[in-house]
Protein backbone atom coordinates (compact mmCIF):
# COMPACT_ATOMS: atom_id res chain seq x y z
CA MET A 1 -0.11 0.17 -0.21
CA ILE A 2 1.06 3.66 -0.86
CA ILE A 3 0.35 6.59 1.69
CA VAL A 4 1.06 10.18 0.70
CA ALA A 5 0.51 12.44 3.54
CA GLY A 6 1.38 16.12 4.41
CA GLU A 7 0.29 19.46 4.89
CA ILE A 8 -0.14 22.59 2.28
CA HIS A 9 0.07 26.27 3.70
CA LEU A 10 -2.26 28.55 1.77
CA LYS A 11 -1.92 32.31 0.73
CA PRO A 12 -3.98 34.29 3.10
CA GLY A 13 -7.68 34.00 2.40
CA GLN A 14 -7.31 31.08 0.15
CA ARG A 15 -8.23 28.37 2.29
CA ASP A 16 -12.19 27.81 1.32
CA ALA A 17 -11.33 28.40 -2.34
CA PHE A 18 -8.61 25.68 -2.43
CA LEU A 19 -10.89 23.10 -0.97
CA GLN A 20 -13.73 23.95 -3.30
CA ALA A 21 -11.01 23.33 -6.02
CA ALA A 22 -10.16 20.11 -4.78
CA ARG A 23 -13.54 18.77 -4.27
CA ALA A 24 -14.00 17.48 -8.38
CA ALA A 25 -10.06 15.83 -7.76
CA ILE A 26 -11.47 14.00 -4.39
CA GLU A 27 -14.20 12.68 -6.38
CA MET A 28 -12.19 11.49 -9.22
CA ALA A 29 -9.54 10.28 -7.34
CA ARG A 30 -11.87 8.28 -4.95
CA ALA A 31 -13.60 6.48 -7.94
CA ALA A 32 -10.45 5.71 -9.33
CA GLU A 33 -9.09 1.95 -9.68
CA GLY A 34 -6.75 1.27 -6.65
CA CYS A 35 -7.58 4.46 -4.65
CA LEU A 36 -8.35 3.12 -1.32
CA ASP A 37 -8.92 7.06 0.57
CA PHE A 38 -8.27 10.44 -0.59
CA ALA A 39 -8.69 13.12 1.60
CA VAL A 40 -7.76 17.08 1.65
CA SER A 41 -9.11 18.52 4.87
CA ALA A 42 -9.18 21.72 6.76
CA ASP A 43 -6.87 21.79 9.71
CA THR A 44 -8.85 22.96 12.77
CA VAL A 45 -5.52 24.75 14.18
CA GLU A 46 -3.89 26.46 11.63
CA ALA A 47 -6.45 28.73 9.23
CA ASP A 48 -3.84 28.63 6.07
CA ARG A 49 -3.23 24.96 6.41
CA VAL A 50 -4.96 21.90 4.89
CA ASN A 51 -4.09 18.48 5.26
CA ILE A 52 -3.40 15.73 2.64
CA PHE A 53 -4.39 11.99 3.13
CA GLU A 54 -4.40 9.39 0.55
CA ARG A 55 -4.08 5.49 0.48
CA TRP A 56 -3.30 3.65 -2.70
CA VAL A 57 -3.27 -0.38 -3.74
CA SER A 58 0.42 0.68 -5.69
CA VAL A 59 2.43 3.20 -6.90
CA GLU A 60 1.32 2.35 -10.42
CA ALA A 61 -2.45 3.23 -9.13
CA LEU A 62 -1.32 6.53 -7.80
CA GLU A 63 0.78 7.16 -11.17
CA ALA A 64 -2.07 6.59 -13.35
CA PHE A 65 -4.20 8.97 -11.17
CA ARG A 66 -1.92 11.52 -10.92
CA GLY A 67 -1.24 13.04 -14.19
CA SER A 68 -0.54 16.52 -14.41
CA GLY A 69 -1.56 17.21 -10.79
CA MET A 70 -3.14 20.37 -9.65
CA ASP A 71 -3.93 23.44 -12.06
CA ASP A 72 -2.11 26.29 -12.26
CA GLY A 73 -4.87 28.20 -10.17
CA GLN A 74 -4.47 25.77 -7.27
CA MET A 75 -0.79 26.11 -7.35
CA ALA A 76 -0.94 29.63 -6.97
CA MET A 77 -2.72 29.61 -3.80
CA ILE A 78 -0.10 27.63 -2.35
CA ALA A 79 2.81 29.36 0.09
CA ARG A 80 4.30 26.08 1.20
CA GLY A 81 3.94 22.69 1.41
CA SER A 82 5.16 19.27 2.59
CA VAL A 83 3.61 16.35 1.03
CA ARG A 84 5.46 12.67 0.84
CA ARG A 85 4.74 9.53 -0.53
CA TYR A 86 5.37 6.23 1.87
CA ARG A 87 5.41 2.54 1.48
CA ALA A 88 3.31 0.70 3.97
CA GLU A 89 4.35 -2.84 4.12
CA ASP A 90 2.42 -4.08 7.05
CA ALA A 91 -1.25 -2.73 7.31
CA GLY A 92 -2.84 -4.11 10.17
CA ASP A 93 -5.87 -3.05 12.35
CA ALA A 94 -4.77 -0.20 15.02
């Protein structure tokens, strides 16, 4: 399993617009073959931050969906971020 997780910090006043723009990508990802979960959510502490969490069955499934990534409008809203990909070798119940 592949996990993509991290945070994106947005320019002031851009969080709601970013989340609205992300909705279509979230819906497409959740419908994509190999997607186990895909979420982009507002952080409850930092007003400029959104949290990213994705689970995929494989790198191939992730890359097949990824395509070109975010559009220029979404990229322009971002101040900085850190989103990383992880390979989960053993996924059991917590």
